[in-house]
Every structure is written in structure tokens, then in C-alpha cells.
Amino acid sequence: MTDDALRQISADLLLTLVFGAAFLVLFALHRWDLRRRRQRVAAIKASGELGPNGAAVAAVVEAAARLDAATARDLAAGRRLAFEWDPRLEKVPKVARAARDRAFASERDDVARAAAEMARDAAAAALAVVDVDPRVRLEAAECAAETAGALVAVERIPAAEFRMLTRAWRTVVGPLGVAPRREA
């Protein structure tokens, strides 16, 4: 091998090592941030500080803890109707996924994520002892999570998305006590 070939291999190897090290640093920062967010969400759940609409979120969590089989079936059907979900599809429609992301699933708002987790956990615990289809159980729990997350994020999500995320809950369980923001 010539000197030029060895220099080129050394340069390529150095560049590969630099990119690899940069990737590892970014991966470590990402893992640290996820851990920090999980700890923050756990602290918010423990304290119950859910922002200005905390009372409405607490009411949703309380109602989710009292769900029965008939209500769960109605919530699942109402959620599919609110999302205009094609029965042939397994995946949640794109419009609904985008609304969820803006409300709480993007993990930008730890308070909304904590509220959603509290409602999902309460509904799942209530429906764990009820004889209901697992898919209905999951959809009812997600409906509770979407409602709680939307209540926390009501000021930063469009009114149409708020209504879509909370429609099934408002129809089946009752009013939320929080109105969507006014859009100019």
C-alpha cells in the first residue's frame, strides 16, 4: 500500500469514529432526557398538579376509575365515530394521531402526558375486572387518556381537535366543564 492510500484509510477511519462518537453522545442525551421526563411525569402524577383545568382532569380520572362494560363499549364506538375511523382499518386515522400528538403524545408537555397516563391507568384498572373485549378495553382507556390530555392542552390545540378528542367522552360520560379556545 502506498502512503496516500494509508492516509485515505486513516482519514476515513477517523471520520467514522467521529460520527460514531457523535451518535453515541446524542443517544446518551436522548436517554437522559427520556429518563428526566419520566421522572417529571411521575412527580406530577404524585402531586396531582395538573394545571388550570386540574379539577376537570381529576373528574375525568375519577369517572375513568368507575367505567363499566357498557360504558366502555359506548366509549369505544363513540371514539371510532369521532375519529371517522374506517372499520376495515386497524390503525388510528392520521388526523386523530396528529391531534393526539399535539395534545399529549409528543411528550412536549409533561403535564398533559401525566394527565393522560393517570386517566389511562384508572380506566385500565377499572376495566381489568370487567368482562369486556380487550380491544374495547384498550380503546376506552385511550379515550379517557385523550380526554384528559386534551383538557390540559386545551389552550394550545385547535378547537376542532379538542372536540374530536373529547367527543366520545362528552357524549357517553357527560360534559367536561371546559370549553375549547376561541379561534379568531
N, C-alpha and C. Protein backbone atom coordinates (compact mmCIF):
# COMPACT_ATOMS: atom_id res chain seq x y z
N MET A 1 0.83 -1.17 0.00
CA MET A 1 0.00 0.00 0.00
C MET A 1 0.88 1.25 0.00
N THR A 2 0.39 2.24 -0.64
CA THR A 2 1.13 3.48 -0.71
C THR A 2 0.77 4.38 0.45
N ASP A 3 1.57 5.41 0.63
CA ASP A 3 1.31 6.37 1.70
C ASP A 3 -0.03 7.08 1.52
N ASP A 4 -0.37 7.41 0.28
CA ASP A 4 -1.65 8.08 0.03
C ASP A 4 -2.83 7.19 0.39
N ALA A 5 -2.73 5.93 0.10
CA ALA A 5 -3.82 5.00 0.42
C ALA A 5 -3.97 4.87 1.93
N LEU A 6 -2.85 4.79 2.65
CA LEU A 6 -2.91 4.69 4.11
C LEU A 6 -3.49 5.96 4.73
N ARG A 7 -3.12 7.12 4.18
CA ARG A 7 -3.67 8.38 4.68
C ARG A 7 -5.18 8.43 4.46
N GLN A 8 -5.60 7.96 3.27
CA GLN A 8 -7.03 7.97 2.98
C GLN A 8 -7.80 7.04 3.92
N ILE A 9 -7.27 5.87 4.18
CA ILE A 9 -7.91 4.93 5.11
C ILE A 9 -7.94 5.52 6.51
N SER A 10 -6.84 6.15 6.93
CA SER A 10 -6.80 6.77 8.26
C SER A 10 -7.82 7.90 8.37
N ALA A 11 -7.95 8.70 7.34
CA ALA A 11 -8.91 9.80 7.35
C ALA A 11 -10.33 9.26 7.40
N ASP A 12 -10.60 8.21 6.61
CA ASP A 12 -11.93 7.61 6.62
C ASP A 12 -12.24 7.00 7.98
N LEU A 13 -11.26 6.33 8.56
CA LEU A 13 -11.47 5.72 9.88
C LEU A 13 -11.71 6.80 10.95
N LEU A 14 -10.95 7.88 10.89
CA LEU A 14 -11.13 8.97 11.84
C LEU A 14 -12.52 9.59 11.70
N LEU A 15 -12.94 9.81 10.47
CA LEU A 15 -14.27 10.37 10.23
C LEU A 15 -15.37 9.44 10.76
N THR A 16 -15.21 8.14 10.54
CA THR A 16 -16.18 7.16 11.04
C THR A 16 -16.22 7.18 12.57
N LEU A 17 -15.07 7.27 13.20
CA LEU A 17 -15.03 7.33 14.66
C LEU A 17 -15.68 8.60 15.20
N VAL A 18 -15.46 9.72 14.52
CA VAL A 18 -16.06 10.98 14.95
C VAL A 18 -17.59 10.89 14.85
N PHE A 19 -18.10 10.38 13.71
CA PHE A 19 -19.55 10.23 13.56
C PHE A 19 -20.11 9.25 14.59
N GLY A 20 -19.40 8.17 14.83
CA GLY A 20 -19.85 7.20 15.82
C GLY A 20 -19.91 7.80 17.21
N ALA A 21 -18.89 8.57 17.57
CA ALA A 21 -18.87 9.22 18.88
C ALA A 21 -20.00 10.25 18.99
N ALA A 22 -20.23 11.00 17.93
CA ALA A 22 -21.32 11.98 17.94
C ALA A 22 -22.66 11.28 18.11
N PHE A 23 -22.86 10.17 17.42
CA PHE A 23 -24.10 9.41 17.56
C PHE A 23 -24.27 8.93 19.00
N LEU A 24 -23.22 8.40 19.60
CA LEU A 24 -23.31 7.91 20.98
C LEU A 24 -23.63 9.03 21.96
N VAL A 25 -23.05 10.21 21.74
CA VAL A 25 -23.34 11.35 22.61
C VAL A 25 -24.81 11.75 22.47
N LEU A 26 -25.32 11.84 21.24
CA LEU A 26 -26.73 12.19 21.03
C LEU A 26 -27.66 11.13 21.61
N PHE A 27 -27.30 9.86 21.48
CA PHE A 27 -28.11 8.78 22.04
C PHE A 27 -28.14 8.89 23.56
N ALA A 28 -27.00 9.17 24.17
CA ALA A 28 -26.94 9.31 25.63
C ALA A 28 -27.78 10.49 26.10
N LEU A 29 -27.73 11.61 25.36
CA LEU A 29 -28.56 12.77 25.71
C LEU A 29 -30.05 12.44 25.59
N HIS A 30 -30.40 11.72 24.56
CA HIS A 30 -31.79 11.33 24.36
C HIS A 30 -32.26 10.45 25.52
N ARG A 31 -31.48 9.46 25.91
CA ARG A 31 -31.84 8.58 27.02
C ARG A 31 -31.96 9.37 28.33
N TRP A 32 -31.05 10.30 28.54
CA TRP A 32 -31.09 11.12 29.75
C TRP A 32 -32.36 11.96 29.76
N ASP A 33 -32.72 12.55 28.61
CA ASP A 33 -33.92 13.37 28.53
C ASP A 33 -35.17 12.53 28.77
N LEU A 34 -35.23 11.32 28.20
CA LEU A 34 -36.38 10.44 28.44
C LEU A 34 -36.51 10.11 29.92
N ARG A 35 -35.40 9.82 30.57
CA ARG A 35 -35.42 9.50 32.00
C ARG A 35 -35.90 10.69 32.81
N ARG A 36 -35.41 11.88 32.45
CA ARG A 36 -35.82 13.10 33.14
C ARG A 36 -37.31 13.34 32.97
N ARG A 37 -37.84 13.12 31.77
CA ARG A 37 -39.27 13.31 31.51
C ARG A 37 -40.11 12.30 32.29
N ARG A 38 -39.67 11.04 32.33
CA ARG A 38 -40.41 10.03 33.09
C ARG A 38 -40.47 10.40 34.57
N GLN A 39 -39.34 10.89 35.09
CA GLN A 39 -39.32 11.30 36.50
C GLN A 39 -40.24 12.50 36.73
N ARG A 40 -40.24 13.43 35.81
CA ARG A 40 -41.12 14.61 35.94
C ARG A 40 -42.59 14.20 35.88
N VAL A 41 -42.93 13.31 34.97
CA VAL A 41 -44.31 12.84 34.86
C VAL A 41 -44.72 12.12 36.14
N ALA A 42 -43.83 11.30 36.68
CA ALA A 42 -44.14 10.59 37.93
C ALA A 42 -44.35 11.60 39.07
N ALA A 43 -43.53 12.65 39.11
CA ALA A 43 -43.69 13.67 40.16
C ALA A 43 -45.01 14.42 40.00
N ILE A 44 -45.39 14.72 38.76
CA ILE A 44 -46.65 15.42 38.51
C ILE A 44 -47.82 14.54 38.91
N LYS A 45 -47.75 13.25 38.57
CA LYS A 45 -48.82 12.33 38.93
C LYS A 45 -48.95 12.21 40.44
N ALA A 46 -47.81 12.20 41.13
CA ALA A 46 -47.84 12.07 42.59
C ALA A 46 -48.40 13.33 43.25
N SER A 47 -48.07 14.49 42.69
CA SER A 47 -48.53 15.74 43.30
C SER A 47 -49.96 16.10 42.90
N GLY A 48 -50.38 15.65 41.73
CA GLY A 48 -51.72 15.97 41.25
C GLY A 48 -51.84 17.39 40.70
N GLU A 49 -50.73 18.09 40.50
CA GLU A 49 -50.74 19.45 39.95
C GLU A 49 -50.90 19.37 38.44
N LEU A 50 -52.14 19.49 37.97
CA LEU A 50 -52.42 19.30 36.55
C LEU A 50 -52.83 20.59 35.86
N GLY A 51 -52.43 21.71 36.39
CA GLY A 51 -52.66 22.98 35.72
C GLY A 51 -54.03 23.57 36.01
N PRO A 52 -54.40 24.59 35.21
CA PRO A 52 -55.64 25.32 35.48
C PRO A 52 -56.90 24.48 35.32
N ASN A 53 -56.85 23.42 34.53
CA ASN A 53 -58.01 22.55 34.36
C ASN A 53 -57.87 21.27 35.18
N GLY A 54 -57.11 21.34 36.25
CA GLY A 54 -56.85 20.17 37.07
C GLY A 54 -58.10 19.53 37.65
N ALA A 55 -59.08 20.35 38.01
CA ALA A 55 -60.32 19.80 38.58
C ALA A 55 -61.08 18.99 37.53
N ALA A 56 -61.11 19.48 36.30
CA ALA A 56 -61.79 18.74 35.22
C ALA A 56 -61.05 17.45 34.91
N VAL A 57 -59.71 17.50 34.92
CA VAL A 57 -58.93 16.29 34.68
C VAL A 57 -59.16 15.29 35.81
N ALA A 58 -59.20 15.76 37.04
CA ALA A 58 -59.46 14.86 38.18
C ALA A 58 -60.83 14.21 38.05
N ALA A 59 -61.81 14.97 37.55
CA ALA A 59 -63.15 14.40 37.36
C ALA A 59 -63.12 13.31 36.28
N VAL A 60 -62.34 13.52 35.23
CA VAL A 60 -62.22 12.50 34.18
C VAL A 60 -61.54 11.26 34.73
N VAL A 61 -60.47 11.44 35.50
CA VAL A 61 -59.76 10.30 36.09
C VAL A 61 -60.69 9.53 37.03
N GLU A 62 -61.47 10.26 37.82
CA GLU A 62 -62.41 9.62 38.75
C GLU A 62 -63.48 8.84 37.98
N ALA A 63 -64.00 9.44 36.92
CA ALA A 63 -65.02 8.75 36.11
C ALA A 63 -64.40 7.55 35.39
N ALA A 64 -63.16 7.67 34.97
CA ALA A 64 -62.48 6.55 34.30
C ALA A 64 -62.30 5.38 35.26
N ALA A 65 -62.10 5.68 36.52
CA ALA A 65 -61.94 4.62 37.52
C ALA A 65 -63.25 3.88 37.79
N ARG A 66 -64.39 4.45 37.35
CA ARG A 66 -65.68 3.82 37.58
C ARG A 66 -66.32 3.28 36.29
N LEU A 67 -65.54 3.11 35.24
CA LEU A 67 -66.10 2.62 33.98
C LEU A 67 -66.60 1.18 34.12
N ASP A 68 -67.70 0.89 33.42
CA ASP A 68 -68.20 -0.47 33.38
C ASP A 68 -68.19 -0.95 31.92
N ALA A 69 -68.62 -2.17 31.70
CA ALA A 69 -68.53 -2.78 30.37
C ALA A 69 -69.38 -2.02 29.34
N ALA A 70 -70.59 -1.65 29.70
CA ALA A 70 -71.47 -0.96 28.75
C ALA A 70 -70.90 0.41 28.38
N THR A 71 -70.41 1.13 29.37
CA THR A 71 -69.82 2.44 29.10
C THR A 71 -68.57 2.30 28.24
N ALA A 72 -67.76 1.27 28.52
CA ALA A 72 -66.54 1.05 27.73
C ALA A 72 -66.89 0.77 26.28
N ARG A 73 -67.90 -0.03 26.05
CA ARG A 73 -68.32 -0.31 24.66
C ARG A 73 -68.81 0.96 23.98
N ASP A 74 -69.59 1.76 24.70
CA ASP A 74 -70.07 3.02 24.13
C ASP A 74 -68.92 3.99 23.84
N LEU A 75 -67.94 4.05 24.74
CA LEU A 75 -66.79 4.93 24.52
C LEU A 75 -65.99 4.48 23.31
N ALA A 76 -65.77 3.18 23.18
CA ALA A 76 -65.02 2.66 22.03
C ALA A 76 -65.75 2.98 20.72
N ALA A 77 -67.06 2.77 20.71
CA ALA A 77 -67.83 3.07 19.50
C ALA A 77 -67.86 4.56 19.22
N GLY A 78 -68.00 5.37 20.26
CA GLY A 78 -68.01 6.83 20.10
C GLY A 78 -66.67 7.36 19.63
N ARG A 79 -65.60 6.76 20.12
CA ARG A 79 -64.25 7.17 19.69
C ARG A 79 -64.06 6.89 18.21
N ARG A 80 -64.48 5.71 17.77
CA ARG A 80 -64.35 5.38 16.35
C ARG A 80 -65.20 6.32 15.49
N LEU A 81 -66.36 6.69 15.99
CA LEU A 81 -67.23 7.63 15.27
C LEU A 81 -66.61 9.03 15.23
N ALA A 82 -66.09 9.48 16.35
CA ALA A 82 -65.49 10.82 16.42
C ALA A 82 -64.27 10.93 15.51
N PHE A 83 -63.51 9.85 15.39
CA PHE A 83 -62.31 9.87 14.55
C PHE A 83 -62.61 9.52 13.10
N GLU A 84 -63.89 9.25 12.80
CA GLU A 84 -64.28 8.82 11.46
C GLU A 84 -63.39 7.65 11.02
N TRP A 85 -63.32 6.66 11.90
CA TRP A 85 -62.43 5.52 11.76
C TRP A 85 -63.08 4.48 10.86
N ASP A 86 -62.43 4.16 9.76
CA ASP A 86 -62.90 3.13 8.84
C ASP A 86 -62.81 1.77 9.56
N PRO A 87 -63.91 1.04 9.66
CA PRO A 87 -63.88 -0.24 10.40
C PRO A 87 -62.94 -1.28 9.81
N ARG A 88 -62.55 -1.10 8.56
CA ARG A 88 -61.63 -2.06 7.93
C ARG A 88 -60.19 -1.83 8.36
N LEU A 89 -59.90 -0.69 8.95
CA LEU A 89 -58.53 -0.35 9.33
C LEU A 89 -58.26 -0.63 10.80
N GLU A 90 -57.06 -1.05 11.08
CA GLU A 90 -56.65 -1.30 12.47
C GLU A 90 -56.05 -0.05 13.11
N LYS A 91 -55.36 0.74 12.31
CA LYS A 91 -54.61 1.88 12.82
C LYS A 91 -55.52 3.10 13.01
N VAL A 92 -55.24 3.89 14.03
CA VAL A 92 -55.98 5.12 14.28
C VAL A 92 -55.77 6.05 13.08
N PRO A 93 -56.81 6.72 12.60
CA PRO A 93 -56.66 7.61 11.45
C PRO A 93 -55.60 8.70 11.68
N LYS A 94 -55.00 9.14 10.59
CA LYS A 94 -53.90 10.10 10.65
C LYS A 94 -54.32 11.41 11.32
N VAL A 95 -55.50 11.89 11.03
CA VAL A 95 -55.98 13.14 11.64
C VAL A 95 -56.04 13.00 13.16
N ALA A 96 -56.52 11.87 13.63
CA ALA A 96 -56.62 11.64 15.07
C ALA A 96 -55.23 11.50 15.69
N ARG A 97 -54.31 10.82 15.00
CA ARG A 97 -52.94 10.70 15.53
C ARG A 97 -52.28 12.06 15.63
N ALA A 98 -52.50 12.91 14.64
CA ALA A 98 -51.92 14.27 14.68
C ALA A 98 -52.50 15.07 15.85
N ALA A 99 -53.79 14.95 16.07
CA ALA A 99 -54.42 15.66 17.19
C ALA A 99 -53.87 15.16 18.53
N ARG A 100 -53.73 13.86 18.65
CA ARG A 100 -53.15 13.29 19.88
C ARG A 100 -51.73 13.78 20.09
N ASP A 101 -50.96 13.82 19.01
CA ASP A 101 -49.58 14.29 19.12
C ASP A 101 -49.53 15.73 19.61
N ARG A 102 -50.39 16.56 19.08
CA ARG A 102 -50.40 17.95 19.53
C ARG A 102 -50.87 18.06 20.98
N ALA A 103 -51.76 17.21 21.40
CA ALA A 103 -52.29 17.29 22.76
C ALA A 103 -51.33 16.74 23.80
N PHE A 104 -50.85 15.51 23.60
CA PHE A 104 -50.02 14.93 24.66
C PHE A 104 -49.03 13.88 24.21
N ALA A 105 -49.23 13.25 23.09
CA ALA A 105 -48.39 12.10 22.75
C ALA A 105 -46.99 12.49 22.30
N SER A 106 -46.77 13.75 21.96
CA SER A 106 -45.44 14.15 21.51
C SER A 106 -44.48 14.31 22.67
N GLU A 107 -44.95 14.22 23.87
CA GLU A 107 -44.17 14.32 25.10
C GLU A 107 -43.57 15.70 25.30
N ARG A 108 -44.08 16.71 24.59
CA ARG A 108 -43.60 18.07 24.82
C ARG A 108 -44.16 18.63 26.12
N ASP A 109 -45.35 18.23 26.45
CA ASP A 109 -46.00 18.74 27.64
C ASP A 109 -46.10 17.60 28.66
N ASP A 110 -45.25 17.66 29.65
CA ASP A 110 -45.22 16.60 30.66
C ASP A 110 -46.50 16.56 31.48
N VAL A 111 -47.14 17.70 31.68
CA VAL A 111 -48.39 17.73 32.46
C VAL A 111 -49.50 17.02 31.70
N ALA A 112 -49.61 17.28 30.40
CA ALA A 112 -50.63 16.60 29.59
C ALA A 112 -50.35 15.10 29.53
N ARG A 113 -49.11 14.75 29.43
CA ARG A 113 -48.75 13.33 29.41
C ARG A 113 -49.10 12.66 30.74
N ALA A 114 -48.83 13.35 31.84
CA ALA A 114 -49.16 12.79 33.16
C ALA A 114 -50.67 12.62 33.31
N ALA A 115 -51.43 13.62 32.86
CA ALA A 115 -52.90 13.52 32.94
C ALA A 115 -53.40 12.35 32.11
N ALA A 116 -52.86 12.21 30.91
CA ALA A 116 -53.27 11.11 30.04
C ALA A 116 -52.94 9.76 30.67
N GLU A 117 -51.75 9.65 31.24
CA GLU A 117 -51.37 8.38 31.88
C GLU A 117 -52.25 8.07 33.08
N MET A 118 -52.58 9.09 33.86
CA MET A 118 -53.45 8.87 35.02
C MET A 118 -54.83 8.36 34.59
N ALA A 119 -55.39 8.98 33.58
CA ALA A 119 -56.72 8.57 33.10
C ALA A 119 -56.66 7.18 32.47
N ARG A 120 -55.63 6.91 31.68
CA ARG A 120 -55.48 5.60 31.04
C ARG A 120 -55.33 4.51 32.09
N ASP A 121 -54.50 4.76 33.09
CA ASP A 121 -54.29 3.77 34.15
C ASP A 121 -55.56 3.52 34.96
N ALA A 122 -56.31 4.59 35.25
CA ALA A 122 -57.55 4.43 36.01
C ALA A 122 -58.57 3.62 35.23
N ALA A 123 -58.71 3.92 33.94
CA ALA A 123 -59.66 3.18 33.10
C ALA A 123 -59.23 1.73 32.94
N ALA A 124 -57.95 1.51 32.74
CA ALA A 124 -57.46 0.14 32.57
C ALA A 124 -57.68 -0.67 33.85
N ALA A 125 -57.46 -0.06 35.00
CA ALA A 125 -57.67 -0.76 36.27
C ALA A 125 -59.15 -1.08 36.47
N ALA A 126 -60.03 -0.14 36.13
CA ALA A 126 -61.46 -0.37 36.30
C ALA A 126 -61.96 -1.46 35.35
N LEU A 127 -61.42 -1.49 34.14
CA LEU A 127 -61.90 -2.45 33.15
C LEU A 127 -61.19 -3.80 33.22
N ALA A 128 -60.14 -3.89 34.03
CA ALA A 128 -59.40 -5.15 34.15
C ALA A 128 -60.26 -6.24 34.77
N VAL A 129 -61.18 -5.87 35.62
CA VAL A 129 -62.02 -6.84 36.32
C VAL A 129 -63.37 -7.05 35.63
N VAL A 130 -63.60 -6.34 34.54
CA VAL A 130 -64.87 -6.40 33.82
C VAL A 130 -64.70 -7.32 32.61
N ASP A 131 -65.74 -8.09 32.34
CA ASP A 131 -65.70 -8.98 31.19
C ASP A 131 -66.03 -8.18 29.92
N VAL A 132 -64.98 -7.75 29.24
CA VAL A 132 -65.13 -6.94 28.03
C VAL A 132 -63.99 -7.31 27.07
N ASP A 133 -64.24 -7.16 25.80
CA ASP A 133 -63.24 -7.45 24.77
C ASP A 133 -61.98 -6.61 25.03
N PRO A 134 -60.79 -7.20 24.92
CA PRO A 134 -59.54 -6.45 25.17
C PRO A 134 -59.39 -5.22 24.27
N ARG A 135 -59.86 -5.31 23.05
CA ARG A 135 -59.77 -4.15 22.15
C ARG A 135 -60.66 -3.01 22.66
N VAL A 136 -61.85 -3.34 23.13
CA VAL A 136 -62.75 -2.33 23.70
C VAL A 136 -62.12 -1.73 24.95
N ARG A 137 -61.51 -2.57 25.77
CA ARG A 137 -60.84 -2.11 26.99
C ARG A 137 -59.75 -1.10 26.64
N LEU A 138 -58.96 -1.42 25.64
CA LEU A 138 -57.87 -0.54 25.22
C LEU A 138 -58.42 0.77 24.66
N GLU A 139 -59.44 0.70 23.83
CA GLU A 139 -59.99 1.91 23.22
C GLU A 139 -60.66 2.81 24.26
N ALA A 140 -61.33 2.23 25.24
CA ALA A 140 -61.95 3.04 26.29
C ALA A 140 -60.88 3.73 27.14
N ALA A 141 -59.81 3.00 27.44
CA ALA A 141 -58.71 3.60 28.20
C ALA A 141 -58.05 4.73 27.39
N GLU A 142 -57.87 4.52 26.10
CA GLU A 142 -57.29 5.56 25.25
C GLU A 142 -58.22 6.76 25.16
N CYS A 143 -59.51 6.53 25.13
CA CYS A 143 -60.48 7.62 25.10
C CYS A 143 -60.35 8.47 26.36
N ALA A 144 -60.22 7.84 27.50
CA ALA A 144 -60.02 8.58 28.75
C ALA A 144 -58.71 9.36 28.71
N ALA A 145 -57.66 8.74 28.20
CA ALA A 145 -56.36 9.41 28.11
C ALA A 145 -56.42 10.61 27.17
N GLU A 146 -57.07 10.43 26.03
CA GLU A 146 -57.18 11.53 25.07
C GLU A 146 -57.98 12.68 25.65
N THR A 147 -59.02 12.37 26.39
CA THR A 147 -59.84 13.42 27.00
C THR A 147 -59.04 14.19 28.05
N ALA A 148 -58.35 13.47 28.92
CA ALA A 148 -57.56 14.14 29.96
C ALA A 148 -56.42 14.96 29.35
N GLY A 149 -55.74 14.40 28.36
CA GLY A 149 -54.67 15.15 27.71
C GLY A 149 -55.18 16.39 27.00
N ALA A 150 -56.33 16.28 26.36
CA ALA A 150 -56.92 17.43 25.66
C ALA A 150 -57.34 18.51 26.65
N LEU A 151 -57.82 18.12 27.83
CA LEU A 151 -58.22 19.10 28.83
C LEU A 151 -57.03 19.94 29.29
N VAL A 152 -55.88 19.29 29.45
CA VAL A 152 -54.69 20.03 29.86
C VAL A 152 -54.19 20.92 28.72
N ALA A 153 -54.27 20.43 27.50
CA ALA A 153 -53.72 21.14 26.35
C ALA A 153 -54.75 22.00 25.63
N VAL A 154 -55.88 22.28 26.24
CA VAL A 154 -56.99 22.96 25.56
C VAL A 154 -56.58 24.32 24.99
N GLU A 155 -55.66 25.01 25.62
CA GLU A 155 -55.27 26.34 25.15
C GLU A 155 -54.31 26.31 23.96
N ARG A 156 -53.71 25.18 23.68
CA ARG A 156 -52.74 25.16 22.58
C ARG A 156 -53.12 24.24 21.42
N ILE A 157 -54.26 23.58 21.52
CA ILE A 157 -54.70 22.78 20.38
C ILE A 157 -55.93 23.45 19.76
N PRO A 158 -56.10 23.27 18.45
CA PRO A 158 -57.28 23.87 17.80
C PRO A 158 -58.58 23.32 18.38
N ALA A 159 -59.62 24.14 18.32
CA ALA A 159 -60.92 23.77 18.89
C ALA A 159 -61.48 22.50 18.24
N ALA A 160 -61.28 22.35 16.93
CA ALA A 160 -61.79 21.16 16.23
C ALA A 160 -61.11 19.90 16.75
N GLU A 161 -59.82 19.97 17.03
CA GLU A 161 -59.11 18.81 17.57
C GLU A 161 -59.55 18.51 19.00
N PHE A 162 -59.77 19.56 19.78
CA PHE A 162 -60.26 19.36 21.15
C PHE A 162 -61.60 18.64 21.12
N ARG A 163 -62.50 19.10 20.25
CA ARG A 163 -63.81 18.47 20.15
C ARG A 163 -63.71 17.03 19.68
N MET A 164 -62.81 16.76 18.72
CA MET A 164 -62.65 15.40 18.21
C MET A 164 -62.12 14.48 19.32
N LEU A 165 -61.13 14.95 20.07
CA LEU A 165 -60.53 14.11 21.11
C LEU A 165 -61.47 13.87 22.29
N THR A 166 -62.40 14.78 22.53
CA THR A 166 -63.27 14.66 23.70
C THR A 166 -64.71 14.29 23.35
N ARG A 167 -65.02 14.16 22.08
CA ARG A 167 -66.41 13.93 21.66
C ARG A 167 -67.01 12.67 22.29
N ALA A 168 -66.31 11.56 22.22
CA ALA A 168 -66.86 10.31 22.75
C ALA A 168 -67.12 10.44 24.26
N TRP A 169 -66.18 11.03 24.98
CA TRP A 169 -66.33 11.17 26.43
C TRP A 169 -67.52 12.07 26.75
N ARG A 170 -67.62 13.21 26.04
CA ARG A 170 -68.73 14.13 26.28
C ARG A 170 -70.07 13.49 25.96
N THR A 171 -70.11 12.66 24.93
CA THR A 171 -71.36 12.01 24.52
C THR A 171 -71.78 10.92 25.50
N VAL A 172 -70.84 10.12 25.93
CA VAL A 172 -71.17 8.94 26.76
C VAL A 172 -71.18 9.26 28.25
N VAL A 173 -70.14 9.94 28.73
CA VAL A 173 -69.99 10.15 30.17
C VAL A 173 -70.66 11.45 30.62
N GLY A 174 -70.49 12.50 29.85
CA GLY A 174 -71.11 13.77 30.22
C GLY A 174 -70.20 14.95 29.92
N PRO A 175 -70.67 16.16 30.24
CA PRO A 175 -69.90 17.38 29.93
C PRO A 175 -68.60 17.44 30.73
N LEU A 176 -67.65 18.19 30.18
CA LEU A 176 -66.33 18.28 30.79
C LEU A 176 -66.15 19.49 31.68
N GLY A 177 -66.91 20.54 31.42
CA GLY A 177 -66.74 21.76 32.19
C GLY A 177 -65.63 22.65 31.66
N VAL A 178 -65.07 22.31 30.52
CA VAL A 178 -64.02 23.12 29.89
C VAL A 178 -64.41 23.28 28.43
N ALA A 179 -64.32 24.50 27.94
CA ALA A 179 -64.65 24.78 26.55
C ALA A 179 -63.36 24.95 25.75
N PRO A 180 -63.40 24.61 24.47
CA PRO A 180 -62.20 24.83 23.64
C PRO A 180 -61.92 26.31 23.48
N ARG A 181 -60.69 26.61 23.12
CA ARG A 181 -60.32 28.02 22.95
C ARG A 181 -61.05 28.60 21.76
N ARG A 182 -61.25 29.90 21.82
CA ARG A 182 -61.87 30.60 20.71
C ARG A 182 -60.82 30.90 19.67
N GLU A 183 -61.14 30.62 18.45
CA GLU A 183 -60.19 30.89 17.36
C GLU A 183 -60.67 32.09 16.58
N ALA A 184 -59.72 32.95 16.26
CA ALA A 184 -60.07 34.18 15.55
C ALA A 184 -60.22 33.96 14.07
